[in-house]
Amino acid sequence: MLRPDLVAAARCLTGPPVTRFAPSPTGYLHLGHIVNAIYTWGIARALGNLIGNCVATVAIAAWEGDIDRPRAHAVLDGRPVPPTEDDLDVASGPVPIAIAVPAKT
């Protein structure tokens, strides 16, 4: 089973996202530059939002005392962590599936 290298991922995602806006060989701005600028801006914005939300979630959980520090350290170290009852929602049972029925005309 493949396990993600969370420490390496955390190192990559802790700083601001690095994007590149490549210059044109002719020197003139064209549609490809605009598309590339919007694309790289979107990537930087999405990564910034993701990192900010993750940090805020952990900070709030730590502030309220809802974080299991030994378990969090085990996850960040890459050690296997058995699921707890909070992870397994056994009380609700299986989720019902809605079946679409065509309307009668």
C-alpha atoms as a PDB file:
ATOM      1  CA  MET A   1       0.000   0.000   0.000  1.00  0.00           C
ATOM      2  CA  LEU A   2       1.359   3.399  -0.927  1.00  0.00           C
ATOM      3  CA  ARG A   3       1.579   5.889   1.919  1.00  0.00           C
ATOM      4  CA  PRO A   4       1.899   9.591   1.135  1.00  0.00           C
ATOM      5  CA  ASP A   5       4.999  11.375   2.349  1.00  0.00           C
ATOM      6  CA  LEU A   6       3.171  13.946   4.458  1.00  0.00           C
ATOM      7  CA  VAL A   7       6.339  15.579   5.780  1.00  0.00           C
ATOM      8  CA  ALA A   8       7.589  16.281   2.250  1.00  0.00           C
ATOM      9  CA  ALA A   9       4.142  17.537   1.243  1.00  0.00           C
ATOM     10  CA  ALA A  10       4.043  19.848   4.269  1.00  0.00           C
ATOM     11  CA  ARG A  11       7.471  21.226   3.344  1.00  0.00           C
ATOM     12  CA  CYS A  12       6.250  21.978  -0.188  1.00  0.00           C
ATOM     13  CA  LEU A  13       3.009  23.602   0.948  1.00  0.00           C
ATOM     14  CA  THR A  14       4.239  25.747   3.840  1.00  0.00           C
ATOM     15  CA  GLY A  15       5.550  28.637   1.757  1.00  0.00           C
ATOM     16  CA  PRO A  16       3.723  30.733  -0.799  1.00  0.00           C
ATOM     17  CA  PRO A  17       2.973  28.957  -4.080  1.00  0.00           C
ATOM     18  CA  VAL A  18       5.616  29.470  -6.747  1.00  0.00           C
ATOM     19  CA  THR A  19       4.313  29.982 -10.265  1.00  0.00           C
ATOM     20  CA  ARG A  20       5.983  31.172 -13.443  1.00  0.00           C
ATOM     21  CA  PHE A  21       4.746  33.537 -16.114  1.00  0.00           C
ATOM     22  CA  ALA A  22       6.888  32.694 -19.136  1.00  0.00           C
ATOM     23  CA  PRO A  23       7.799  35.490 -21.575  1.00  0.00           C
ATOM     24  CA  SER A  24       7.025  35.250 -25.271  1.00  0.00           C
ATOM     25  CA  PRO A  25       9.922  34.845 -27.710  1.00  0.00           C
ATOM     26  CA  THR A  26       8.432  37.593 -29.892  1.00  0.00           C
ATOM     27  CA  GLY A  27       7.878  39.966 -26.965  1.00  0.00           C
ATOM     28  CA  TYR A  28       4.214  40.681 -27.768  1.00  0.00           C
ATOM     29  CA  LEU A  29       1.368  39.897 -25.383  1.00  0.00           C
ATOM     30  CA  HIS A  30      -1.122  37.424 -26.823  1.00  0.00           C
ATOM     31  CA  LEU A  31      -4.068  35.275 -25.714  1.00  0.00           C
ATOM     32  CA  GLY A  32      -1.810  32.474 -24.428  1.00  0.00           C
ATOM     33  CA  HIS A  33      -0.224  34.910 -21.960  1.00  0.00           C
ATOM     34  CA  ILE A  34      -3.610  35.904 -20.617  1.00  0.00           C
ATOM     35  CA  VAL A  35      -4.758  32.293 -20.263  1.00  0.00           C
ATOM     36  CA  ASN A  36      -1.489  31.360 -18.550  1.00  0.00           C
ATOM     37  CA  ALA A  37      -1.692  34.322 -16.177  1.00  0.00           C
ATOM     38  CA  ILE A  38      -5.262  33.461 -15.154  1.00  0.00           C
ATOM     39  CA  TYR A  39      -4.363  29.771 -14.765  1.00  0.00           C
ATOM     40  CA  THR A  40      -1.307  30.388 -12.558  1.00  0.00           C
ATOM     41  CA  TRP A  41      -3.213  32.977 -10.519  1.00  0.00           C
ATOM     42  CA  GLY A  42      -5.972  30.412  -9.935  1.00  0.00           C
ATOM     43  CA  ILE A  43      -3.481  27.771  -8.802  1.00  0.00           C
ATOM     44  CA  ALA A  44      -1.816  30.202  -6.394  1.00  0.00           C
ATOM     45  CA  ARG A  45      -5.178  31.321  -5.037  1.00  0.00           C
ATOM     46  CA  ALA A  46      -6.473  27.759  -4.562  1.00  0.00           C
ATOM     47  CA  LEU A  47      -3.307  26.630  -2.766  1.00  0.00           C
ATOM     48  CA  GLY A  48      -3.366  29.703  -0.567  1.00  0.00           C
ATOM     49  CA  ASN A  49      -6.989  29.062   0.377  1.00  0.00           C
ATOM     50  CA  LEU A  50      -6.310  25.367   1.031  1.00  0.00           C
ATOM     51  CA  ILE A  51      -3.318  26.037   3.267  1.00  0.00           C
ATOM     52  CA  GLY A  52      -5.127  28.821   5.118  1.00  0.00           C
ATOM     53  CA  ASN A  53      -8.185  26.667   5.766  1.00  0.00           C
ATOM     54  CA  CYS A  54      -6.047  23.757   6.997  1.00  0.00           C
ATOM     55  CA  VAL A  55      -4.082  25.959   9.370  1.00  0.00           C
ATOM     56  CA  ALA A  56      -7.250  27.628  10.662  1.00  0.00           C
ATOM     57  CA  THR A  57      -8.943  24.257  11.241  1.00  0.00           C
ATOM     58  CA  VAL A  58      -5.994  22.900  13.231  1.00  0.00           C
ATOM     59  CA  ALA A  59      -5.634  26.150  15.200  1.00  0.00           C
ATOM     60  CA  ILE A  60      -9.318  26.187  16.168  1.00  0.00           C
ATOM     61  CA  ALA A  61      -9.270  22.490  17.107  1.00  0.00           C
ATOM     62  CA  ALA A  62      -6.171  23.031  19.253  1.00  0.00           C
ATOM     63  CA  TRP A  63      -7.736  26.115  20.871  1.00  0.00           C
ATOM     64  CA  GLU A  64     -10.908  24.203  21.780  1.00  0.00           C
ATOM     65  CA  GLY A  65      -8.987  21.107  22.910  1.00  0.00           C
ATOM     66  CA  ASP A  66     -10.570  18.874  20.242  1.00  0.00           C
ATOM     67  CA  ILE A  67      -7.304  17.673  18.742  1.00  0.00           C
ATOM     68  CA  ASP A  68      -5.730  14.339  19.692  1.00  0.00           C
ATOM     69  CA  ARG A  69      -2.066  15.362  19.682  1.00  0.00           C
ATOM     70  CA  PRO A  70      -0.494  11.872  19.860  1.00  0.00           C
ATOM     71  CA  ARG A  71      -2.699  10.703  16.978  1.00  0.00           C
ATOM     72  CA  ALA A  72      -1.922  13.853  14.951  1.00  0.00           C
ATOM     73  CA  HIS A  73       1.811  13.320  15.461  1.00  0.00           C
ATOM     74  CA  ALA A  74       1.452   9.678  14.398  1.00  0.00           C
ATOM     75  CA  VAL A  75      -0.323  10.728  11.194  1.00  0.00           C
ATOM     76  CA  LEU A  76       2.296  13.382  10.404  1.00  0.00           C
ATOM     77  CA  ASP A  77       5.105  10.897  11.082  1.00  0.00           C
ATOM     78  CA  GLY A  78       3.528   8.430   8.645  1.00  0.00           C
ATOM     79  CA  ARG A  79       2.813   5.752  11.221  1.00  0.00           C
ATOM     80  CA  PRO A  80      -0.344   3.654  10.729  1.00  0.00           C
ATOM     81  CA  VAL A  81      -3.221   4.872  12.872  1.00  0.00           C
ATOM     82  CA  PRO A  82      -6.173   2.575  13.607  1.00  0.00           C
ATOM     83  CA  PRO A  83      -9.593   4.185  13.099  1.00  0.00           C
ATOM     84  CA  THR A  84     -11.532   5.285  16.151  1.00  0.00           C
ATOM     85  CA  GLU A  85     -15.285   5.229  16.717  1.00  0.00           C
ATOM     86  CA  ASP A  86     -15.387   8.888  15.658  1.00  0.00           C
ATOM     87  CA  ASP A  87     -13.948   7.910  12.258  1.00  0.00           C
ATOM     88  CA  LEU A  88     -16.467   5.110  11.752  1.00  0.00           C
ATOM     89  CA  ASP A  89     -20.033   6.347  11.677  1.00  0.00           C
ATOM     90  CA  VAL A  90     -21.589   3.007  12.609  1.00  0.00           C
ATOM     91  CA  ALA A  91     -24.667   4.448  14.315  1.00  0.00           C
ATOM     92  CA  SER A  92     -26.256   5.836  11.170  1.00  0.00           C
ATOM     93  CA  GLY A  93     -25.807   2.719   9.015  1.00  0.00           C
ATOM     94  CA  PRO A  94     -25.623   2.744   5.249  1.00  0.00           C
ATOM     95  CA  VAL A  95     -26.529   5.891   3.351  1.00  0.00           C
ATOM     96  CA  PRO A  96     -29.709   5.483   1.282  1.00  0.00           C
ATOM     97  CA  ILE A  97     -29.407   6.106  -2.442  1.00  0.00           C
ATOM     98  CA  ALA A  98     -32.046   8.221  -4.150  1.00  0.00           C
ATOM     99  CA  ILE A  99     -33.305   6.802  -7.428  1.00  0.00           C
ATOM    100  CA  ALA A 100     -34.502   9.236 -10.061  1.00  0.00           C
ATOM    101  CA  VAL A 101     -37.915   8.377 -11.441  1.00  0.00           C
ATOM    102  CA  PRO A 102     -39.097  10.110 -14.605  1.00  0.00           C
ATOM    103  CA  ALA A 103     -42.114  12.357 -14.110  1.00  0.00           C
ATOM    104  CA  LYS A 104     -45.412  11.264 -15.611  1.00  0.00           C
ATOM    105  CA  THR A 105     -46.667  13.572 -18.321  1.00  0.00           C
END
